[in-house]
Amino acid sequence: MSERSNADRSVVNFEFETFTPSDFEGHQNLDNPSVRGYLVYNDGRKDFGFGTFGMSDTYTIDYDVLNQIKAKHPAFMKEIVEHGGFKINGVWHEVNGDGDLISH
């Protein structure tokens, strides 16, 4: 099995998740509801956030996700621009040199 290249490891990934409340020992706390959120990460940095993303006729989820990264996790933008894109749930989304989406 081959190692992933440094380029693959530094690609920014964004994944939608459901966070389940638990205690410090990792036992699920059924008294509190689960919360929708996301992880954003690469090999150099990891972060997370809460909230949901909507869809409309005027934009797609990739625009909303990129705007969330720009607003809440701007440190990832350098790697996104350097690689020409990022992944949302494993699907590649291309950006231009200004960090704006060019395909979806």
PDB file of N, CA and C in Angstrom:
ATOM      1  N   MET A   1       0.847  -1.175   0.000  1.00  0.00           N
ATOM      2  CA  MET A   1       0.000   0.000   0.000  1.00  0.00           C
ATOM      3  C   MET A   1       0.890   1.234   0.000  1.00  0.00           C
ATOM      4  N   SER A   2       0.635   2.182  -0.891  1.00  0.00           N
ATOM      5  CA  SER A   2       1.496   3.354  -1.001  1.00  0.00           C
ATOM      6  C   SER A   2       1.045   4.444  -0.040  1.00  0.00           C
ATOM      7  N   GLU A   3       2.012   5.256   0.353  1.00  0.00           N
ATOM      8  CA  GLU A   3       1.725   6.404   1.207  1.00  0.00           C
ATOM      9  C   GLU A   3       1.029   7.469   0.378  1.00  0.00           C
ATOM     10  N   ARG A   4       0.149   8.219   1.034  1.00  0.00           N
ATOM     11  CA  ARG A   4      -0.435   9.367   0.352  1.00  0.00           C
ATOM     12  C   ARG A   4       0.660  10.411   0.161  1.00  0.00           C
ATOM     13  N   SER A   5       0.608  11.145  -0.937  1.00  0.00           N
ATOM     14  CA  SER A   5       1.600  12.193  -1.172  1.00  0.00           C
ATOM     15  C   SER A   5       1.329  13.362  -0.232  1.00  0.00           C
ATOM     16  N   ASN A   6       2.333  14.207  -0.052  1.00  0.00           N
ATOM     17  CA  ASN A   6       2.160  15.394   0.783  1.00  0.00           C
ATOM     18  C   ASN A   6       1.040  16.266   0.249  1.00  0.00           C
ATOM     19  N   ALA A   7       0.903  16.341  -1.075  1.00  0.00           N
ATOM     20  CA  ALA A   7      -0.166  17.142  -1.669  1.00  0.00           C
ATOM     21  C   ALA A   7      -1.528  16.616  -1.263  1.00  0.00           C
ATOM     22  N   ASP A   8      -1.713  15.283  -1.256  1.00  0.00           N
ATOM     23  CA  ASP A   8      -2.996  14.699  -0.862  1.00  0.00           C
ATOM     24  C   ASP A   8      -3.315  14.995   0.601  1.00  0.00           C
ATOM     25  N   ARG A   9      -2.312  14.925   1.450  1.00  0.00           N
ATOM     26  CA  ARG A   9      -2.546  15.132   2.876  1.00  0.00           C
ATOM     27  C   ARG A   9      -2.878  16.578   3.206  1.00  0.00           C
ATOM     28  N   SER A  10      -2.384  17.528   2.415  1.00  0.00           N
ATOM     29  CA  SER A  10      -2.630  18.926   2.735  1.00  0.00           C
ATOM     30  C   SER A  10      -3.893  19.478   2.072  1.00  0.00           C
ATOM     31  N   VAL A  11      -4.591  18.654   1.279  1.00  0.00           N
ATOM     32  CA  VAL A  11      -5.868  19.071   0.700  1.00  0.00           C
ATOM     33  C   VAL A  11      -6.869  19.270   1.831  1.00  0.00           C
ATOM     34  N   VAL A  12      -7.623  20.363   1.755  1.00  0.00           N
ATOM     35  CA  VAL A  12      -8.620  20.668   2.781  1.00  0.00           C
ATOM     36  C   VAL A  12      -9.873  19.835   2.528  1.00  0.00           C
ATOM     37  N   ASN A  13     -10.368  19.218   3.592  1.00  0.00           N
ATOM     38  CA  ASN A  13     -11.579  18.399   3.549  1.00  0.00           C
ATOM     39  C   ASN A  13     -12.640  19.030   4.441  1.00  0.00           C
ATOM     40  N   PHE A  14     -13.880  18.987   3.992  1.00  0.00           N
ATOM     41  CA  PHE A  14     -15.025  19.481   4.751  1.00  0.00           C
ATOM     42  C   PHE A  14     -16.029  18.345   4.786  1.00  0.00           C
ATOM     43  N   GLU A  15     -16.445  17.942   5.984  1.00  0.00           N
ATOM     44  CA  GLU A  15     -17.386  16.833   6.117  1.00  0.00           C
ATOM     45  C   GLU A  15     -18.525  17.212   7.055  1.00  0.00           C
ATOM     46  N   PHE A  16     -19.745  16.937   6.612  1.00  0.00           N
ATOM     47  CA  PHE A  16     -20.911  17.140   7.465  1.00  0.00           C
ATOM     48  C   PHE A  16     -20.974  16.018   8.486  1.00  0.00           C
ATOM     49  N   GLU A  17     -21.299  16.344   9.718  1.00  0.00           N
ATOM     50  CA  GLU A  17     -21.326  15.368  10.805  1.00  0.00           C
ATOM     51  C   GLU A  17     -22.510  15.633  11.721  1.00  0.00           C
ATOM     52  N   THR A  18     -22.863  14.630  12.505  1.00  0.00           N
ATOM     53  CA  THR A  18     -23.806  14.789  13.600  1.00  0.00           C
ATOM     54  C   THR A  18     -23.038  14.538  14.890  1.00  0.00           C
ATOM     55  N   PHE A  19     -22.999  15.544  15.739  1.00  0.00           N
ATOM     56  CA  PHE A  19     -22.282  15.426  17.005  1.00  0.00           C
ATOM     57  C   PHE A  19     -23.247  14.943  18.085  1.00  0.00           C
ATOM     58  N   THR A  20     -22.867  13.876  18.759  1.00  0.00           N
ATOM     59  CA  THR A  20     -23.682  13.291  19.814  1.00  0.00           C
ATOM     60  C   THR A  20     -23.104  13.693  21.166  1.00  0.00           C
ATOM     61  N   PRO A  21     -23.921  14.290  22.023  1.00  0.00           N
ATOM     62  CA  PRO A  21     -23.413  14.687  23.344  1.00  0.00           C
ATOM     63  C   PRO A  21     -22.931  13.466  24.136  1.00  0.00           C
ATOM     64  N   SER A  22     -21.824  13.646  24.842  1.00  0.00           N
ATOM     65  CA  SER A  22     -21.290  12.565  25.666  1.00  0.00           C
ATOM     66  C   SER A  22     -20.596  13.154  26.876  1.00  0.00           C
ATOM     67  N   ASP A  23     -20.295  12.298  27.828  1.00  0.00           N
ATOM     68  CA  ASP A  23     -19.558  12.753  29.005  1.00  0.00           C
ATOM     69  C   ASP A  23     -18.060  12.663  28.727  1.00  0.00           C
ATOM     70  N   PHE A  24     -17.251  13.002  29.719  1.00  0.00           N
ATOM     71  CA  PHE A  24     -15.804  13.019  29.528  1.00  0.00           C
ATOM     72  C   PHE A  24     -15.211  11.630  29.308  1.00  0.00           C
ATOM     73  N   GLU A  25     -15.965  10.600  29.614  1.00  0.00           N
ATOM     74  CA  GLU A  25     -15.489   9.231  29.385  1.00  0.00           C
ATOM     75  C   GLU A  25     -15.951   8.687  28.039  1.00  0.00           C
ATOM     76  N   GLY A  26     -16.705   9.478  27.291  1.00  0.00           N
ATOM     77  CA  GLY A  26     -17.153   9.065  25.969  1.00  0.00           C
ATOM     78  C   GLY A  26     -18.494   8.359  25.943  1.00  0.00           C
ATOM     79  N   HIS A  27     -19.212   8.314  27.073  1.00  0.00           N
ATOM     80  CA  HIS A  27     -20.535   7.686  27.107  1.00  0.00           C
ATOM     81  C   HIS A  27     -21.586   8.656  26.572  1.00  0.00           C
ATOM     82  N   GLN A  28     -22.411   8.167  25.673  1.00  0.00           N
ATOM     83  CA  GLN A  28     -23.444   8.989  25.058  1.00  0.00           C
ATOM     84  C   GLN A  28     -24.416   9.506  26.113  1.00  0.00           C
ATOM     85  N   ASN A  29     -24.785  10.780  26.000  1.00  0.00           N
ATOM     86  CA  ASN A  29     -25.734  11.422  26.895  1.00  0.00           C
ATOM     87  C   ASN A  29     -27.066  11.533  26.155  1.00  0.00           C
ATOM     88  N   LEU A  30     -27.988  10.648  26.454  1.00  0.00           N
ATOM     89  CA  LEU A  30     -29.265  10.604  25.737  1.00  0.00           C
ATOM     90  C   LEU A  30     -30.225  11.706  26.168  1.00  0.00           C
ATOM     91  N   ASP A  31     -29.889  12.438  27.228  1.00  0.00           N
ATOM     92  CA  ASP A  31     -30.759  13.516  27.696  1.00  0.00           C
ATOM     93  C   ASP A  31     -30.659  14.761  26.815  1.00  0.00           C
ATOM     94  N   ASN A  32     -29.604  14.875  26.036  1.00  0.00           N
ATOM     95  CA  ASN A  32     -29.405  16.033  25.161  1.00  0.00           C
ATOM     96  C   ASN A  32     -29.445  15.594  23.709  1.00  0.00           C
ATOM     97  N   PRO A  33     -30.056  16.412  22.849  1.00  0.00           N
ATOM     98  CA  PRO A  33     -30.167  16.028  21.431  1.00  0.00           C
ATOM     99  C   PRO A  33     -28.833  16.146  20.703  1.00  0.00           C
ATOM    100  N   SER A  34     -28.701  15.377  19.638  1.00  0.00           N
ATOM    101  CA  SER A  34     -27.537  15.483  18.762  1.00  0.00           C
ATOM    102  C   SER A  34     -27.584  16.822  18.035  1.00  0.00           C
ATOM    103  N   VAL A  35     -26.427  17.281  17.589  1.00  0.00           N
ATOM    104  CA  VAL A  35     -26.326  18.583  16.942  1.00  0.00           C
ATOM    105  C   VAL A  35     -25.662  18.404  15.580  1.00  0.00           C
ATOM    106  N   ARG A  36     -26.226  19.025  14.553  1.00  0.00           N
ATOM    107  CA  ARG A  36     -25.631  18.985  13.213  1.00  0.00           C
ATOM    108  C   ARG A  36     -24.452  19.940  13.167  1.00  0.00           C
ATOM    109  N   GLY A  37     -23.426  19.522  12.461  1.00  0.00           N
ATOM    110  CA  GLY A  37     -22.241  20.354  12.346  1.00  0.00           C
ATOM    111  C   GLY A  37     -21.335  19.850  11.251  1.00  0.00           C
ATOM    112  N   TYR A  38     -20.053  20.217  11.349  1.00  0.00           N
ATOM    113  CA  TYR A  38     -19.100  19.828  10.322  1.00  0.00           C
ATOM    114  C   TYR A  38     -17.693  19.811  10.887  1.00  0.00           C
ATOM    115  N   LEU A  39     -16.835  19.097  10.174  1.00  0.00           N
ATOM    116  CA  LEU A  39     -15.396  19.095  10.418  1.00  0.00           C
ATOM    117  C   LEU A  39     -14.735  19.710   9.189  1.00  0.00           C
ATOM    118  N   VAL A  40     -13.698  20.498   9.404  1.00  0.00           N
ATOM    119  CA  VAL A  40     -12.880  21.008   8.312  1.00  0.00           C
ATOM    120  C   VAL A  40     -11.437  20.749   8.721  1.00  0.00           C
ATOM    121  N   TYR A  41     -10.675  20.107   7.820  1.00  0.00           N
ATOM    122  CA  TYR A  41      -9.348  19.656   8.240  1.00  0.00           C
ATOM    123  C   TYR A  41      -8.446  19.344   7.054  1.00  0.00           C
ATOM    124  N   ASN A  42      -7.160  19.293   7.356  1.00  0.00           N
ATOM    125  CA  ASN A  42      -6.131  18.663   6.537  1.00  0.00           C
ATOM    126  C   ASN A  42      -5.074  18.181   7.522  1.00  0.00           C
ATOM    127  N   ASP A  43      -3.937  17.722   7.035  1.00  0.00           N
ATOM    128  CA  ASP A  43      -2.934  17.186   7.954  1.00  0.00           C
ATOM    129  C   ASP A  43      -2.325  18.239   8.863  1.00  0.00           C
ATOM    130  N   GLY A  44      -2.413  19.503   8.497  1.00  0.00           N
ATOM    131  CA  GLY A  44      -1.801  20.545   9.301  1.00  0.00           C
ATOM    132  C   GLY A  44      -2.723  21.237  10.274  1.00  0.00           C
ATOM    133  N   ARG A  45      -4.027  21.064  10.125  1.00  0.00           N
ATOM    134  CA  ARG A  45      -4.978  21.849  10.918  1.00  0.00           C
ATOM    135  C   ARG A  45      -6.310  21.104  10.971  1.00  0.00           C
ATOM    136  N   LYS A  46      -6.993  21.235  12.094  1.00  0.00           N
ATOM    137  CA  LYS A  46      -8.326  20.632  12.256  1.00  0.00           C
ATOM    138  C   LYS A  46      -9.231  21.624  12.973  1.00  0.00           C
ATOM    139  N   ASP A  47     -10.476  21.692  12.559  1.00  0.00           N
ATOM    140  CA  ASP A  47     -11.440  22.569  13.214  1.00  0.00           C
ATOM    141  C   ASP A  47     -12.831  21.986  13.005  1.00  0.00           C
ATOM    142  N   PHE A  48     -13.810  22.574  13.659  1.00  0.00           N
ATOM    143  CA  PHE A  48     -15.185  22.118  13.518  1.00  0.00           C
ATOM    144  C   PHE A  48     -16.110  23.296  13.726  1.00  0.00           C
ATOM    145  N   GLY A  49     -17.372  23.086  13.405  1.00  0.00           N
ATOM    146  CA  GLY A  49     -18.382  24.107  13.619  1.00  0.00           C
ATOM    147  C   GLY A  49     -19.742  23.462  13.686  1.00  0.00           C
ATOM    148  N   PHE A  50     -20.720  24.267  14.054  1.00  0.00           N
ATOM    149  CA  PHE A  50     -22.093  23.788  14.194  1.00  0.00           C
ATOM    150  C   PHE A  50     -22.999  24.560  13.253  1.00  0.00           C
ATOM    151  N   GLY A  51     -24.114  23.956  12.924  1.00  0.00           N
ATOM    152  CA  GLY A  51     -25.094  24.596  12.071  1.00  0.00           C
ATOM    153  C   GLY A  51     -25.415  23.734  10.873  1.00  0.00           C
ATOM    154  N   THR A  52     -26.415  24.166  10.142  1.00  0.00           N
ATOM    155  CA  THR A  52     -26.835  23.451   8.941  1.00  0.00           C
ATOM    156  C   THR A  52     -26.689  24.380   7.747  1.00  0.00           C
ATOM    157  N   PHE A  53     -26.703  23.806   6.577  1.00  0.00           N
ATOM    158  CA  PHE A  53     -26.556  24.568   5.351  1.00  0.00           C
ATOM    159  C   PHE A  53     -27.776  24.317   4.493  1.00  0.00           C
ATOM    160  N   GLY A  54     -28.307  25.372   3.911  1.00  0.00           N
ATOM    161  CA  GLY A  54     -29.501  25.241   3.093  1.00  0.00           C
ATOM    162  C   GLY A  54     -29.183  25.213   1.619  1.00  0.00           C
ATOM    163  N   MET A  55     -30.187  24.976   0.830  1.00  0.00           N
ATOM    164  CA  MET A  55     -30.068  24.982  -0.627  1.00  0.00           C
ATOM    165  C   MET A  55     -31.081  25.997  -1.148  1.00  0.00           C
ATOM    166  N   SER A  56     -30.767  26.613  -2.265  1.00  0.00           N
ATOM    167  CA  SER A  56     -31.727  27.503  -2.908  1.00  0.00           C
ATOM    168  C   SER A  56     -31.541  27.395  -4.418  1.00  0.00           C
ATOM    169  N   ASP A  57     -32.383  28.093  -5.156  1.00  0.00           N
ATOM    170  CA  ASP A  57     -32.279  28.096  -6.615  1.00  0.00           C
ATOM    171  C   ASP A  57     -31.132  28.970  -7.105  1.00  0.00           C
ATOM    172  N   THR A  58     -30.608  29.843  -6.245  1.00  0.00           N
ATOM    173  CA  THR A  58     -29.599  30.796  -6.680  1.00  0.00           C
ATOM    174  C   THR A  58     -28.173  30.382  -6.325  1.00  0.00           C
ATOM    175  N   TYR A  59     -27.992  29.367  -5.514  1.00  0.00           N
ATOM    176  CA  TYR A  59     -26.645  28.899  -5.186  1.00  0.00           C
ATOM    177  C   TYR A  59     -26.708  27.441  -4.788  1.00  0.00           C
ATOM    178  N   THR A  60     -25.557  26.824  -4.724  1.00  0.00           N
ATOM    179  CA  THR A  60     -25.484  25.435  -4.312  1.00  0.00           C
ATOM    180  C   THR A  60     -24.704  25.338  -3.014  1.00  0.00           C
ATOM    181  N   ILE A  61     -24.718  24.200  -2.408  1.00  0.00           N
ATOM    182  CA  ILE A  61     -24.109  24.002  -1.097  1.00  0.00           C
ATOM    183  C   ILE A  61     -22.615  24.306  -1.109  1.00  0.00           C
ATOM    184  N   ASP A  62     -21.937  24.080  -2.237  1.00  0.00           N
ATOM    185  CA  ASP A  62     -20.498  24.338  -2.274  1.00  0.00           C
ATOM    186  C   ASP A  62     -20.178  25.810  -2.045  1.00  0.00           C
ATOM    187  N   TYR A  63     -21.007  26.726  -2.545  1.00  0.00           N
ATOM    188  CA  TYR A  63     -20.801  28.147  -2.287  1.00  0.00           C
ATOM    189  C   TYR A  63     -20.978  28.456  -0.803  1.00  0.00           C
ATOM    190  N   ASP A  64     -22.014  27.892  -0.211  1.00  0.00           N
ATOM    191  CA  ASP A  64     -22.295  28.109   1.203  1.00  0.00           C
ATOM    192  C   ASP A  64     -21.145  27.584   2.069  1.00  0.00           C
ATOM    193  N   VAL A  65     -20.647  26.399   1.739  1.00  0.00           N
ATOM    194  CA  VAL A  65     -19.538  25.806   2.494  1.00  0.00           C
ATOM    195  C   VAL A  65     -18.286  26.665   2.354  1.00  0.00           C
ATOM    196  N   LEU A  66     -17.954  27.088   1.141  1.00  0.00           N
ATOM    197  CA  LEU A  66     -16.764  27.913   0.941  1.00  0.00           C
ATOM    198  C   LEU A  66     -16.893  29.239   1.688  1.00  0.00           C
ATOM    199  N   ASN A  67     -18.072  29.846   1.668  1.00  0.00           N
ATOM    200  CA  ASN A  67     -18.283  31.086   2.419  1.00  0.00           C
ATOM    201  C   ASN A  67     -18.123  30.858   3.922  1.00  0.00           C
ATOM    202  N   GLN A  68     -18.549  29.711   4.424  1.00  0.00           N
ATOM    203  CA  GLN A  68     -18.386  29.378   5.848  1.00  0.00           C
ATOM    204  C   GLN A  68     -16.903  29.237   6.191  1.00  0.00           C
ATOM    205  N   ILE A  69     -16.150  28.581   5.322  1.00  0.00           N
ATOM    206  CA  ILE A  69     -14.707  28.436   5.552  1.00  0.00           C
ATOM    207  C   ILE A  69     -14.045  29.811   5.551  1.00  0.00           C
ATOM    208  N   LYS A  70     -14.390  30.649   4.578  1.00  0.00           N
ATOM    209  CA  LYS A  70     -13.803  31.988   4.511  1.00  0.00           C
ATOM    210  C   LYS A  70     -14.110  32.798   5.767  1.00  0.00           C
ATOM    211  N   ALA A  71     -15.350  32.711   6.257  1.00  0.00           N
ATOM    212  CA  ALA A  71     -15.777  33.514   7.400  1.00  0.00           C
ATOM    213  C   ALA A  71     -15.292  32.963   8.737  1.00  0.00           C
ATOM    214  N   LYS A  72     -15.358  31.660   8.921  1.00  0.00           N
ATOM    215  CA  LYS A  72     -15.094  31.066  10.240  1.00  0.00           C
ATOM    216  C   LYS A  72     -13.754  30.352  10.352  1.00  0.00           C
ATOM    217  N   HIS A  73     -13.154  29.981   9.216  1.00  0.00           N
ATOM    218  CA  HIS A  73     -11.918  29.192   9.231  1.00  0.00           C
ATOM    219  C   HIS A  73     -10.953  29.697   8.148  1.00  0.00           C
ATOM    220  N   PRO A  74     -10.656  30.997   8.128  1.00  0.00           N
ATOM    221  CA  PRO A  74      -9.874  31.575   7.029  1.00  0.00           C
ATOM    222  C   PRO A  74      -8.452  31.018   6.893  1.00  0.00           C
ATOM    223  N   ALA A  75      -7.919  30.427   7.940  1.00  0.00           N
ATOM    224  CA  ALA A  75      -6.561  29.867   7.860  1.00  0.00           C
ATOM    225  C   ALA A  75      -6.469  28.749   6.821  1.00  0.00           C
ATOM    226  N   PHE A  76      -7.590  28.136   6.458  1.00  0.00           N
ATOM    227  CA  PHE A  76      -7.594  27.062   5.462  1.00  0.00           C
ATOM    228  C   PHE A  76      -7.536  27.580   4.026  1.00  0.00           C
ATOM    229  N   MET A  77      -7.818  28.850   3.824  1.00  0.00           N
ATOM    230  CA  MET A  77      -7.923  29.369   2.466  1.00  0.00           C
ATOM    231  C   MET A  77      -6.605  29.302   1.702  1.00  0.00           C
ATOM    232  N   LYS A  78      -5.481  29.466   2.364  1.00  0.00           N
ATOM    233  CA  LYS A  78      -4.185  29.386   1.676  1.00  0.00           C
ATOM    234  C   LYS A  78      -4.024  28.031   0.997  1.00  0.00           C
ATOM    235  N   GLU A  79      -4.308  26.957   1.743  1.00  0.00           N
ATOM    236  CA  GLU A  79      -4.184  25.614   1.168  1.00  0.00           C
ATOM    237  C   GLU A  79      -5.227  25.366   0.076  1.00  0.00           C
ATOM    238  N   ILE A  80      -6.426  25.886   0.253  1.00  0.00           N
ATOM    239  CA  ILE A  80      -7.475  25.707  -0.761  1.00  0.00           C
ATOM    240  C   ILE A  80      -7.034  26.350  -2.074  1.00  0.00           C
ATOM    241  N   VAL A  81      -6.512  27.567  -1.999  1.00  0.00           N
ATOM    242  CA  VAL A  81      -6.058  28.259  -3.210  1.00  0.00           C
ATOM    243  C   VAL A  81      -4.837  27.556  -3.801  1.00  0.00           C
ATOM    244  N   GLU A  82      -3.880  27.160  -2.960  1.00  0.00           N
ATOM    245  CA  GLU A  82      -2.675  26.482  -3.453  1.00  0.00           C
ATOM    246  C   GLU A  82      -2.998  25.202  -4.210  1.00  0.00           C
ATOM    247  N   HIS A  83      -4.000  24.459  -3.744  1.00  0.00           N
ATOM    248  CA  HIS A  83      -4.367  23.193  -4.385  1.00  0.00           C
ATOM    249  C   HIS A  83      -5.414  23.360  -5.479  1.00  0.00           C
ATOM    250  N   GLY A  84      -5.963  24.550  -5.600  1.00  0.00           N
ATOM    251  CA  GLY A  84      -6.957  24.799  -6.632  1.00  0.00           C
ATOM    252  C   GLY A  84      -8.314  24.221  -6.300  1.00  0.00           C
ATOM    253  N   GLY A  85      -8.558  23.921  -5.006  1.00  0.00           N
ATOM    254  CA  GLY A  85      -9.863  23.409  -4.610  1.00  0.00           C
ATOM    255  C   GLY A  85      -9.818  22.725  -3.264  1.00  0.00           C
ATOM    256  N   PHE A  86     -10.939  22.095  -2.923  1.00  0.00           N
ATOM    257  CA  PHE A  86     -11.102  21.390  -1.656  1.00  0.00           C
ATOM    258  C   PHE A  86     -12.173  20.318  -1.830  1.00  0.00           C
ATOM    259  N   LYS A  87     -12.309  19.466  -0.841  1.00  0.00           N
ATOM    260  CA  LYS A  87     -13.299  18.383  -0.911  1.00  0.00           C
ATOM    261  C   LYS A  87     -14.425  18.613   0.088  1.00  0.00           C
ATOM    262  N   ILE A  88     -15.648  18.366  -0.380  1.00  0.00           N
ATOM    263  CA  ILE A  88     -16.829  18.354   0.487  1.00  0.00           C
ATOM    264  C   ILE A  88     -17.340  16.928   0.477  1.00  0.00           C
ATOM    265  N   ASN A  89     -17.292  16.275   1.624  1.00  0.00           N
ATOM    266  CA  ASN A  89     -17.692  14.866   1.732  1.00  0.00           C
ATOM    267  C   ASN A  89     -17.042  14.019   0.641  1.00  0.00           C
ATOM    268  N   GLY A  90     -15.768  14.277   0.354  1.00  0.00           N
ATOM    269  CA  GLY A  90     -15.004  13.482  -0.593  1.00  0.00           C
ATOM    270  C   GLY A  90     -15.111  13.901  -2.044  1.00  0.00           C
ATOM    271  N   VAL A  91     -15.941  14.895  -2.364  1.00  0.00           N
ATOM    272  CA  VAL A  91     -16.129  15.345  -3.740  1.00  0.00           C
ATOM    273  C   VAL A  91     -15.328  16.628  -3.962  1.00  0.00           C
ATOM    274  N   TRP A  92     -14.496  16.648  -4.996  1.00  0.00           N
ATOM    275  CA  TRP A  92     -13.624  17.775  -5.305  1.00  0.00           C
ATOM    276  C   TRP A  92     -14.423  18.972  -5.825  1.00  0.00           C
ATOM    277  N   HIS A  93     -14.092  20.175  -5.309  1.00  0.00           N
ATOM    278  CA  HIS A  93     -14.700  21.429  -5.753  1.00  0.00           C
ATOM    279  C   HIS A  93     -13.567  22.388  -6.090  1.00  0.00           C
ATOM    280  N   GLU A  94     -13.518  22.823  -7.344  1.00  0.00           N
ATOM    281  CA  GLU A  94     -12.405  23.608  -7.859  1.00  0.00           C
ATOM    282  C   GLU A  94     -12.591  25.102  -7.556  1.00  0.00           C
ATOM    283  N   VAL A  95     -11.474  25.769  -7.196  1.00  0.00           N
ATOM    284  CA  VAL A  95     -11.482  27.212  -6.980  1.00  0.00           C
ATOM    285  C   VAL A  95     -10.406  27.859  -7.851  1.00  0.00           C
ATOM    286  N   ASN A  96     -10.556  29.167  -8.073  1.00  0.00           N
ATOM    287  CA  ASN A  96      -9.543  29.892  -8.849  1.00  0.00           C
ATOM    288  C   ASN A  96      -8.505  30.500  -7.903  1.00  0.00           C
ATOM    289  N   GLY A  97      -7.592  31.292  -8.445  1.00  0.00           N
ATOM    290  CA  GLY A  97      -6.527  31.877  -7.659  1.00  0.00           C
ATOM    291  C   GLY A  97      -6.984  32.888  -6.628  1.00  0.00           C
ATOM    292  N   ASP A  98      -8.232  33.352  -6.741  1.00  0.00           N
ATOM    293  CA  ASP A  98      -8.799  34.276  -5.757  1.00  0.00           C
ATOM    294  C   ASP A  98      -9.573  33.535  -4.669  1.00  0.00           C
ATOM    295  N   GLY A  99      -9.658  32.209  -4.772  1.00  0.00           N
ATOM    296  CA  GLY A  99     -10.392  31.431  -3.789  1.00  0.00           C
ATOM    297  C   GLY A  99     -11.885  31.380  -4.032  1.00  0.00           C
ATOM    298  N   ASP A 100     -12.308  31.659  -5.269  1.00  0.00           N
ATOM    299  CA  ASP A 100     -13.725  31.589  -5.626  1.00  0.00           C
ATOM    300  C   ASP A 100     -13.978  30.321  -6.436  1.00  0.00           C
ATOM    301  N   LEU A 101     -15.147  29.728  -6.259  1.00  0.00           N
ATOM    302  CA  LEU A 101     -15.499  28.499  -6.981  1.00  0.00           C
ATOM    303  C   LEU A 101     -15.544  28.761  -8.489  1.00  0.00           C
ATOM    304  N   ILE A 102     -15.000  27.812  -9.242  1.00  0.00           N
ATOM    305  CA  ILE A 102     -15.092  27.915 -10.698  1.00  0.00           C
ATOM    306  C   ILE A 102     -15.834  26.741 -11.301  1.00  0.00           C
ATOM    307  N   SER A 103     -16.129  25.732 -10.487  1.00  0.00           N
ATOM    308  CA  SER A 103     -16.946  24.611 -10.968  1.00  0.00           C
ATOM    309  C   SER A 103     -17.607  23.959  -9.767  1.00  0.00           C
ATOM    310  N   HIS A 104     -18.698  23.305 -10.016  1.00  0.00           N
ATOM    311  CA  HIS A 104     -19.402  22.541  -8.978  1.00  0.00           C
ATOM    312  C   HIS A 104     -20.248  21.469  -9.583  1.00  0.00           C
TER     313      HIS A 104
END
